[in-house]
Amino acid sequence: MSLSTSYIAVIPARYESSRLPGKPLIEIEGVPMIVRTYRQCAKVLPRESIIVATDDARIRDVCDSESIPVMMTSPNCLCGTDRVAEVARAITRDVYINLQGDEPIFDPENIDRILGAVADYPDEVLNGYAEISTESEFRSPTIPKVLIAEDGRLLYASRAAVPTDKQFKYVKAWKQVCVYSFPRAALLNFAAKDSKSNLEAIEDIEILRFLEAGDVVRMVEMTANSIAVDVPEDVARVSEKIRAQPKLYL
């Protein structure tokens, strides 16, 4: 896709993870997770427009061995978006596409969808979403649920099971898909804080910092094919999917 807006895609990758230490380097069917994530990106983006942002020399070394562009960032970043902001301070673009390093089998079509939205809304923060299809996803605290206005604006994101009816039943819900686009000014303003915002700290969902700062966050519908790796059980689920369709995830 040709855009008049300049962009770079950033994959933040932190080694230390409370739930899964060393997550970016976990081998999935023989390939480190960060390498799988990069390869999915490179199916639709020029390789020179993708960069891994990390705080760990072990991740850097793996990227170097695979000729993956990589930039060292501070170990003190509050979240992945703060790491993307470090890239923004060093590399000037109009917008920054944030692709999570723990999405080794994400659908490359979602990049096309976010770039299409960038063409329409270059000055807004964009975030992906998909409809939840099972009650287990709805109840899972590792899956952020998103509440979206009729005009596509994000109203709130929560790890709680929302929305529900009066009996707290699962009726219909939507989950966050962690593909983002940030205009440079909004991204740098986001990272100007030296602590997480109030709701962001409670929910541990970084998109809330934009909402609390008064930014419009526009939601972009994505496919729901990916599996975010948050806990050891997710690694097994990803491996199973790769074994079932190996040519899809080369």
C-alpha atoms as a PDB file:
ATOM      1  CA  MET A   1       0.000   0.000   0.000  1.00  0.00           C
ATOM      2  CA  SER A   2       1.307   3.445  -0.914  1.00  0.00           C
ATOM      3  CA  LEU A   3       0.878   6.122   1.736  1.00  0.00           C
ATOM      4  CA  SER A   4       1.581   9.826   1.629  1.00  0.00           C
ATOM      5  CA  THR A   5       2.201   9.521   5.380  1.00  0.00           C
ATOM      6  CA  SER A   6       5.680   8.325   6.346  1.00  0.00           C
ATOM      7  CA  TYR A   7       5.787   5.478   8.849  1.00  0.00           C
ATOM      8  CA  ILE A   8       7.956   2.886  10.544  1.00  0.00           C
ATOM      9  CA  ALA A   9       6.792  -0.365  12.140  1.00  0.00           C
ATOM     10  CA  VAL A  10       8.274  -1.014  15.586  1.00  0.00           C
ATOM     11  CA  ILE A  11       8.264  -4.350  17.407  1.00  0.00           C
ATOM     12  CA  PRO A  12       8.980  -3.715  21.115  1.00  0.00           C
ATOM     13  CA  ALA A  13      10.605  -6.727  22.765  1.00  0.00           C
ATOM     14  CA  ARG A  14      11.383  -6.829  26.483  1.00  0.00           C
ATOM     15  CA  TYR A  15      13.296  -9.782  27.918  1.00  0.00           C
ATOM     16  CA  GLU A  16      11.973  -9.570  31.463  1.00  0.00           C
ATOM     17  CA  SER A  17       8.335 -10.648  31.725  1.00  0.00           C
ATOM     18  CA  SER A  18       6.601 -11.362  35.014  1.00  0.00           C
ATOM     19  CA  ARG A  19       4.495 -14.142  33.536  1.00  0.00           C
ATOM     20  CA  LEU A  20       6.966 -15.557  31.001  1.00  0.00           C
ATOM     21  CA  PRO A  21      10.621 -14.477  31.442  1.00  0.00           C
ATOM     22  CA  GLY A  22      12.686 -14.430  28.249  1.00  0.00           C
ATOM     23  CA  LYS A  23       9.499 -14.506  26.197  1.00  0.00           C
ATOM     24  CA  PRO A  24      10.829 -12.997  22.922  1.00  0.00           C
ATOM     25  CA  LEU A  25      13.518 -15.707  22.679  1.00  0.00           C
ATOM     26  CA  ILE A  26      11.310 -18.707  23.447  1.00  0.00           C
ATOM     27  CA  GLU A  27      11.689 -21.112  20.542  1.00  0.00           C
ATOM     28  CA  ILE A  28       8.444 -22.099  18.886  1.00  0.00           C
ATOM     29  CA  GLU A  29       8.881 -25.031  16.533  1.00  0.00           C
ATOM     30  CA  GLY A  30      12.597 -24.232  16.395  1.00  0.00           C
ATOM     31  CA  VAL A  31      12.351 -20.491  15.720  1.00  0.00           C
ATOM     32  CA  PRO A  32      12.641 -17.723  18.363  1.00  0.00           C
ATOM     33  CA  MET A  33       9.342 -15.914  18.858  1.00  0.00           C
ATOM     34  CA  ILE A  34      10.738 -12.473  17.946  1.00  0.00           C
ATOM     35  CA  VAL A  35      12.013 -13.877  14.633  1.00  0.00           C
ATOM     36  CA  ARG A  36       8.603 -15.368  13.841  1.00  0.00           C
ATOM     37  CA  THR A  37       6.942 -12.034  14.605  1.00  0.00           C
ATOM     38  CA  TYR A  38       9.353 -10.159  12.337  1.00  0.00           C
ATOM     39  CA  ARG A  39       8.834 -12.648   9.494  1.00  0.00           C
ATOM     40  CA  GLN A  40       5.070 -12.161   9.672  1.00  0.00           C
ATOM     41  CA  CYS A  41       5.574  -8.379   9.433  1.00  0.00           C
ATOM     42  CA  ALA A  42       7.978  -8.709   6.515  1.00  0.00           C
ATOM     43  CA  LYS A  43       5.321 -10.522   4.478  1.00  0.00           C
ATOM     44  CA  VAL A  44       3.552  -7.188   3.894  1.00  0.00           C
ATOM     45  CA  LEU A  45       6.053  -4.461   4.845  1.00  0.00           C
ATOM     46  CA  PRO A  46       9.446  -3.555   3.369  1.00  0.00           C
ATOM     47  CA  ARG A  47      12.133  -4.944   5.649  1.00  0.00           C
ATOM     48  CA  GLU A  48      13.776  -1.533   5.950  1.00  0.00           C
ATOM     49  CA  SER A  49      10.551  -0.128   7.442  1.00  0.00           C
ATOM     50  CA  ILE A  50      10.553  -2.599  10.388  1.00  0.00           C
ATOM     51  CA  ILE A  51      12.684  -2.346  13.528  1.00  0.00           C
ATOM     52  CA  VAL A  52      12.835  -4.319  16.767  1.00  0.00           C
ATOM     53  CA  ALA A  53      13.198  -2.139  19.881  1.00  0.00           C
ATOM     54  CA  THR A  54      14.674  -4.034  22.820  1.00  0.00           C
ATOM     55  CA  ASP A  55      16.448  -3.526  26.136  1.00  0.00           C
ATOM     56  CA  ASP A  56      18.390  -6.772  26.106  1.00  0.00           C
ATOM     57  CA  ALA A  57      21.629  -7.742  24.353  1.00  0.00           C
ATOM     58  CA  ARG A  58      20.457 -11.344  23.944  1.00  0.00           C
ATOM     59  CA  ILE A  59      17.483 -10.219  21.850  1.00  0.00           C
ATOM     60  CA  ARG A  60      19.718  -7.823  19.913  1.00  0.00           C
ATOM     61  CA  ASP A  61      22.156 -10.630  19.131  1.00  0.00           C
ATOM     62  CA  VAL A  62      19.411 -12.902  17.817  1.00  0.00           C
ATOM     63  CA  CYS A  63      18.117 -10.076  15.621  1.00  0.00           C
ATOM     64  CA  ASP A  64      21.622  -9.376  14.325  1.00  0.00           C
ATOM     65  CA  SER A  65      22.071 -13.060  13.466  1.00  0.00           C
ATOM     66  CA  GLU A  66      18.883 -12.895  11.375  1.00  0.00           C
ATOM     67  CA  SER A  67      19.728  -9.489   9.786  1.00  0.00           C
ATOM     68  CA  ILE A  68      16.730  -7.951  11.539  1.00  0.00           C
ATOM     69  CA  PRO A  69      17.040  -4.177  12.140  1.00  0.00           C
ATOM     70  CA  VAL A  70      17.246  -3.594  15.895  1.00  0.00           C
ATOM     71  CA  MET A  71      17.648  -0.640  18.262  1.00  0.00           C
ATOM     72  CA  MET A  72      18.648  -0.755  21.918  1.00  0.00           C
ATOM     73  CA  THR A  73      16.314   1.133  24.244  1.00  0.00           C
ATOM     74  CA  SER A  74      16.164   1.848  27.964  1.00  0.00           C
ATOM     75  CA  PRO A  75      15.436  -0.976  30.427  1.00  0.00           C
ATOM     76  CA  ASN A  76      13.300   1.513  32.362  1.00  0.00           C
ATOM     77  CA  CYS A  77      10.498   1.917  29.800  1.00  0.00           C
ATOM     78  CA  LEU A  78       7.116   1.739  31.517  1.00  0.00           C
ATOM     79  CA  CYS A  79       5.536  -0.270  28.685  1.00  0.00           C
ATOM     80  CA  GLY A  80       6.007  -1.227  25.064  1.00  0.00           C
ATOM     81  CA  THR A  81       4.598   2.046  23.773  1.00  0.00           C
ATOM     82  CA  ASP A  82       7.230   3.966  25.758  1.00  0.00           C
ATOM     83  CA  ARG A  83       9.814   1.839  23.948  1.00  0.00           C
ATOM     84  CA  VAL A  84       8.253   2.812  20.610  1.00  0.00           C
ATOM     85  CA  ALA A  85       8.522   6.450  21.716  1.00  0.00           C
ATOM     86  CA  GLU A  86      12.277   5.998  22.172  1.00  0.00           C
ATOM     87  CA  VAL A  87      12.453   4.973  18.534  1.00  0.00           C
ATOM     88  CA  ALA A  88      10.385   8.053  17.651  1.00  0.00           C
ATOM     89  CA  ARG A  89      12.937  10.306  19.325  1.00  0.00           C
ATOM     90  CA  ALA A  90      15.699   8.793  17.191  1.00  0.00           C
ATOM     91  CA  ILE A  91      13.845   8.214  13.907  1.00  0.00           C
ATOM     92  CA  THR A  92      11.402  10.849  12.681  1.00  0.00           C
ATOM     93  CA  ARG A  93       8.291   9.624  10.889  1.00  0.00           C
ATOM     94  CA  ASP A  94       4.705  10.866  10.721  1.00  0.00           C
ATOM     95  CA  VAL A  95       3.284   7.739  12.365  1.00  0.00           C
ATOM     96  CA  TYR A  96       4.618   4.694  14.210  1.00  0.00           C
ATOM     97  CA  ILE A  97       3.027   1.278  13.790  1.00  0.00           C
ATOM     98  CA  ASN A  98       3.368  -0.766  16.979  1.00  0.00           C
ATOM     99  CA  LEU A  99       3.375  -4.532  16.427  1.00  0.00           C
ATOM    100  CA  GLN A 100       3.641  -6.669  19.560  1.00  0.00           C
ATOM    101  CA  GLY A 101       6.645  -8.963  19.851  1.00  0.00           C
ATOM    102  CA  ASP A 102       4.540 -11.687  21.475  1.00  0.00           C
ATOM    103  CA  GLU A 103       2.304 -12.221  18.424  1.00  0.00           C
ATOM    104  CA  PRO A 104       4.346 -14.806  16.464  1.00  0.00           C
ATOM    105  CA  ILE A 105       1.468 -15.919  14.222  1.00  0.00           C
ATOM    106  CA  PHE A 106      -0.464 -12.679  13.815  1.00  0.00           C
ATOM    107  CA  ASP A 107      -2.291 -12.207  10.530  1.00  0.00           C
ATOM    108  CA  PRO A 108      -0.290  -9.947   8.155  1.00  0.00           C
ATOM    109  CA  GLU A 109      -3.620  -8.753   6.741  1.00  0.00           C
ATOM    110  CA  ASN A 110      -4.058  -6.769   9.952  1.00  0.00           C
ATOM    111  CA  ILE A 111      -1.096  -4.594   8.984  1.00  0.00           C
ATOM    112  CA  ASP A 112      -2.837  -3.758   5.722  1.00  0.00           C
ATOM    113  CA  ARG A 113      -5.963  -2.895   7.688  1.00  0.00           C
ATOM    114  CA  ILE A 114      -4.125  -0.564  10.060  1.00  0.00           C
ATOM    115  CA  LEU A 115      -2.306   1.118   7.145  1.00  0.00           C
ATOM    116  CA  GLY A 116      -5.647   1.618   5.400  1.00  0.00           C
ATOM    117  CA  ALA A 117      -6.940   3.330   8.536  1.00  0.00           C
ATOM    118  CA  VAL A 118      -3.773   5.449   8.735  1.00  0.00           C
ATOM    119  CA  ALA A 119      -4.558   6.730   5.246  1.00  0.00           C
ATOM    120  CA  ASP A 120      -8.003   7.837   6.460  1.00  0.00           C
ATOM    121  CA  TYR A 121      -7.061   8.986   9.984  1.00  0.00           C
ATOM    122  CA  PRO A 122      -3.351   9.934   9.982  1.00  0.00           C
ATOM    123  CA  ASP A 123      -3.713  12.251  12.992  1.00  0.00           C
ATOM    124  CA  GLU A 124      -5.488   9.810  15.316  1.00  0.00           C
ATOM    125  CA  VAL A 125      -4.326   6.995  17.562  1.00  0.00           C
ATOM    126  CA  LEU A 126      -5.492   3.688  16.080  1.00  0.00           C
ATOM    127  CA  ASN A 127      -5.913   0.297  17.757  1.00  0.00           C
ATOM    128  CA  GLY A 128      -7.124  -3.067  16.513  1.00  0.00           C
ATOM    129  CA  TYR A 129     -10.041  -5.097  17.815  1.00  0.00           C
ATOM    130  CA  ALA A 130     -11.928  -8.296  17.015  1.00  0.00           C
ATOM    131  CA  GLU A 131     -15.116  -9.891  18.217  1.00  0.00           C
ATOM    132  CA  ILE A 132     -14.766 -12.418  21.035  1.00  0.00           C
ATOM    133  CA  SER A 133     -16.047 -15.835  20.033  1.00  0.00           C
ATOM    134  CA  THR A 134     -15.898 -17.859  23.258  1.00  0.00           C
ATOM    135  CA  GLU A 135     -16.875 -17.334  26.871  1.00  0.00           C
ATOM    136  CA  SER A 136     -13.420 -18.460  28.006  1.00  0.00           C
ATOM    137  CA  GLU A 137     -11.889 -15.516  26.128  1.00  0.00           C
ATOM    138  CA  PHE A 138     -14.508 -13.214  27.612  1.00  0.00           C
ATOM    139  CA  ARG A 139     -13.660 -14.316  31.174  1.00  0.00           C
ATOM    140  CA  SER A 140      -9.872 -14.380  30.678  1.00  0.00           C
ATOM    141  CA  PRO A 141      -7.968 -11.646  32.562  1.00  0.00           C
ATOM    142  CA  THR A 142      -5.106 -11.855  30.043  1.00  0.00           C
ATOM    143  CA  ILE A 143      -7.365 -10.630  27.214  1.00  0.00           C
ATOM    144  CA  PRO A 144      -8.274  -6.914  27.349  1.00  0.00           C
ATOM    145  CA  LYS A 145     -11.873  -6.272  26.406  1.00  0.00           C
ATOM    146  CA  VAL A 146     -12.747  -3.048  24.571  1.00  0.00           C
ATOM    147  CA  LEU A 147     -15.903  -0.948  24.705  1.00  0.00           C
ATOM    148  CA  ILE A 148     -16.442   0.911  21.441  1.00  0.00           C
ATOM    149  CA  ALA A 149     -18.772   3.797  20.568  1.00  0.00           C
ATOM    150  CA  GLU A 150     -20.979   3.602  17.485  1.00  0.00           C
ATOM    151  CA  ASP A 151     -18.627   5.959  15.638  1.00  0.00           C
ATOM    152  CA  GLY A 152     -15.644   3.656  16.266  1.00  0.00           C
ATOM    153  CA  ARG A 153     -14.023   5.523  19.164  1.00  0.00           C
ATOM    154  CA  LEU A 154     -12.647   3.545  22.084  1.00  0.00           C
ATOM    155  CA  LEU A 155     -14.630   4.245  25.250  1.00  0.00           C
ATOM    156  CA  TYR A 156     -12.704   2.012  27.656  1.00  0.00           C
ATOM    157  CA  ALA A 157     -10.543  -1.110  27.834  1.00  0.00           C
ATOM    158  CA  SER A 158     -10.596  -3.562  30.723  1.00  0.00           C
ATOM    159  CA  ARG A 159      -9.391  -6.976  31.780  1.00  0.00           C
ATOM    160  CA  ALA A 160     -12.771  -7.486  33.385  1.00  0.00           C
ATOM    161  CA  ALA A 161     -15.538  -9.398  31.610  1.00  0.00           C
ATOM    162  CA  VAL A 162     -17.367  -6.486  29.980  1.00  0.00           C
ATOM    163  CA  PRO A 163     -19.934  -5.692  28.777  1.00  0.00           C
ATOM    164  CA  THR A 164     -22.412  -7.915  30.605  1.00  0.00           C
ATOM    165  CA  ASP A 165     -26.135  -7.973  31.242  1.00  0.00           C
ATOM    166  CA  LYS A 166     -27.711  -7.659  34.698  1.00  0.00           C
ATOM    167  CA  GLN A 167     -26.938 -11.308  35.435  1.00  0.00           C
ATOM    168  CA  PHE A 168     -23.272 -10.809  34.427  1.00  0.00           C
ATOM    169  CA  LYS A 169     -23.737 -13.142  31.451  1.00  0.00           C
ATOM    170  CA  TYR A 170     -21.633 -13.158  28.303  1.00  0.00           C
ATOM    171  CA  VAL A 171     -23.790 -11.788  25.501  1.00  0.00           C
ATOM    172  CA  LYS A 172     -21.427 -10.173  22.990  1.00  0.00           C
ATOM    173  CA  ALA A 173     -18.000  -8.620  23.456  1.00  0.00           C
ATOM    174  CA  TRP A 174     -14.839  -7.464  21.708  1.00  0.00           C
ATOM    175  CA  LYS A 175     -11.150  -7.890  22.481  1.00  0.00           C
ATOM    176  CA  GLN A 176      -8.158  -5.704  21.837  1.00  0.00           C
ATOM    177  CA  VAL A 177      -5.843  -6.814  19.037  1.00  0.00           C
ATOM    178  CA  CYS A 178      -2.466  -5.302  19.829  1.00  0.00           C
ATOM    179  CA  VAL A 179      -1.724  -3.565  16.561  1.00  0.00           C
ATOM    180  CA  TYR A 180      -1.476   0.205  16.939  1.00  0.00           C
ATOM    181  CA  SER A 181      -0.689   3.359  15.000  1.00  0.00           C
ATOM    182  CA  PHE A 182       0.493   6.507  16.778  1.00  0.00           C
ATOM    183  CA  PRO A 183       0.953   9.999  15.343  1.00  0.00           C
ATOM    184  CA  ARG A 184       4.361  11.267  16.433  1.00  0.00           C
ATOM    185  CA  ALA A 185       3.043  14.141  18.586  1.00  0.00           C
ATOM    186  CA  ALA A 186       0.584  11.917  20.497  1.00  0.00           C
ATOM    187  CA  LEU A 187       3.267   9.269  21.015  1.00  0.00           C
ATOM    188  CA  LEU A 188       5.817  11.712  22.417  1.00  0.00           C
ATOM    189  CA  ASN A 189       3.173  13.252  24.679  1.00  0.00           C
ATOM    190  CA  PHE A 190       2.278   9.733  25.903  1.00  0.00           C
ATOM    191  CA  ALA A 191       5.912   9.074  26.836  1.00  0.00           C
ATOM    192  CA  ALA A 192       6.435  12.456  28.518  1.00  0.00           C
ATOM    193  CA  LYS A 193       4.936  11.066  31.752  1.00  0.00           C
ATOM    194  CA  ASP A 194       7.340   9.446  34.201  1.00  0.00           C
ATOM    195  CA  SER A 195       4.671   7.110  35.549  1.00  0.00           C
ATOM    196  CA  LYS A 196       1.676   5.196  34.285  1.00  0.00           C
ATOM    197  CA  SER A 197      -1.658   7.003  34.289  1.00  0.00           C
ATOM    198  CA  ASN A 198      -4.219   6.049  36.957  1.00  0.00           C
ATOM    199  CA  LEU A 199      -6.410   3.670  34.966  1.00  0.00           C
ATOM    200  CA  GLU A 200      -3.486   2.316  32.973  1.00  0.00           C
ATOM    201  CA  ALA A 201      -1.771   1.319  36.217  1.00  0.00           C
ATOM    202  CA  ILE A 202      -4.868  -0.440  37.559  1.00  0.00           C
ATOM    203  CA  GLU A 203      -5.780  -2.325  34.385  1.00  0.00           C
ATOM    204  CA  ASP A 204      -2.214  -2.721  33.023  1.00  0.00           C
ATOM    205  CA  ILE A 205      -3.492  -1.700  29.584  1.00  0.00           C
ATOM    206  CA  GLU A 206      -1.325   0.999  28.011  1.00  0.00           C
ATOM    207  CA  ILE A 207      -3.875   2.312  25.494  1.00  0.00           C
ATOM    208  CA  LEU A 208      -5.714   3.806  28.471  1.00  0.00           C
ATOM    209  CA  ARG A 209      -2.954   6.378  28.929  1.00  0.00           C
ATOM    210  CA  PHE A 210      -3.990   7.935  25.610  1.00  0.00           C
ATOM    211  CA  LEU A 211      -7.644   8.043  26.694  1.00  0.00           C
ATOM    212  CA  GLU A 212      -6.726   9.610  30.031  1.00  0.00           C
ATOM    213  CA  ALA A 213      -4.694  12.260  28.180  1.00  0.00           C
ATOM    214  CA  GLY A 214      -7.764  13.167  26.115  1.00  0.00           C
ATOM    215  CA  ASP A 215      -6.673  11.568  22.835  1.00  0.00           C
ATOM    216  CA  VAL A 216      -9.206  10.034  20.476  1.00  0.00           C
ATOM    217  CA  VAL A 217      -8.460   6.340  19.986  1.00  0.00           C
ATOM    218  CA  ARG A 218     -10.115   4.959  16.869  1.00  0.00           C
ATOM    219  CA  MET A 219     -10.683   1.211  16.722  1.00  0.00           C
ATOM    220  CA  VAL A 220      -9.964  -0.763  13.550  1.00  0.00           C
ATOM    221  CA  GLU A 221     -11.545  -4.168  13.028  1.00  0.00           C
ATOM    222  CA  MET A 222      -9.019  -6.969  12.633  1.00  0.00           C
ATOM    223  CA  THR A 223      -9.072 -10.679  11.944  1.00  0.00           C
ATOM    224  CA  ALA A 224      -9.045 -12.773  15.109  1.00  0.00           C
ATOM    225  CA  ASN A 225      -6.583 -15.415  13.914  1.00  0.00           C
ATOM    226  CA  SER A 226      -3.651 -14.521  16.153  1.00  0.00           C
ATOM    227  CA  ILE A 227      -2.710 -15.862  19.581  1.00  0.00           C
ATOM    228  CA  ALA A 228      -0.893 -13.543  21.965  1.00  0.00           C
ATOM    229  CA  VAL A 229       1.697 -15.374  24.059  1.00  0.00           C
ATOM    230  CA  ASP A 230       1.221 -14.346  27.696  1.00  0.00           C
ATOM    231  CA  VAL A 231       1.558 -17.606  29.638  1.00  0.00           C
ATOM    232  CA  PRO A 232       3.266 -20.987  28.982  1.00  0.00           C
ATOM    233  CA  GLU A 233      -0.002 -22.533  27.819  1.00  0.00           C
ATOM    234  CA  ASP A 234      -0.115 -20.031  24.946  1.00  0.00           C
ATOM    235  CA  VAL A 235       3.187 -21.375  23.587  1.00  0.00           C
ATOM    236  CA  ALA A 236       1.611 -24.814  23.213  1.00  0.00           C
ATOM    237  CA  ARG A 237      -1.419 -23.326  21.455  1.00  0.00           C
ATOM    238  CA  VAL A 238       0.783 -21.440  18.995  1.00  0.00           C
ATOM    239  CA  SER A 239       2.911 -24.524  18.312  1.00  0.00           C
ATOM    240  CA  GLU A 240      -0.201 -26.561  17.605  1.00  0.00           C
ATOM    241  CA  LYS A 241      -1.436 -23.991  15.104  1.00  0.00           C
ATOM    242  CA  ILE A 242       1.933 -23.832  13.334  1.00  0.00           C
ATOM    243  CA  ARG A 243       2.100 -27.622  13.062  1.00  0.00           C
ATOM    244  CA  ALA A 244      -1.395 -27.647  11.576  1.00  0.00           C
ATOM    245  CA  GLN A 245      -0.503 -25.064   8.890  1.00  0.00           C
ATOM    246  CA  PRO A 246       3.301 -24.938   8.628  1.00  0.00           C
ATOM    247  CA  LYS A 247       3.422 -23.229   5.208  1.00  0.00           C
ATOM    248  CA  LEU A 248       1.352 -20.331   6.542  1.00  0.00           C
ATOM    249  CA  TYR A 249       3.961 -19.441   9.146  1.00  0.00           C
ATOM    250  CA  LEU A 250       7.286 -19.820   7.321  1.00  0.00           C
END
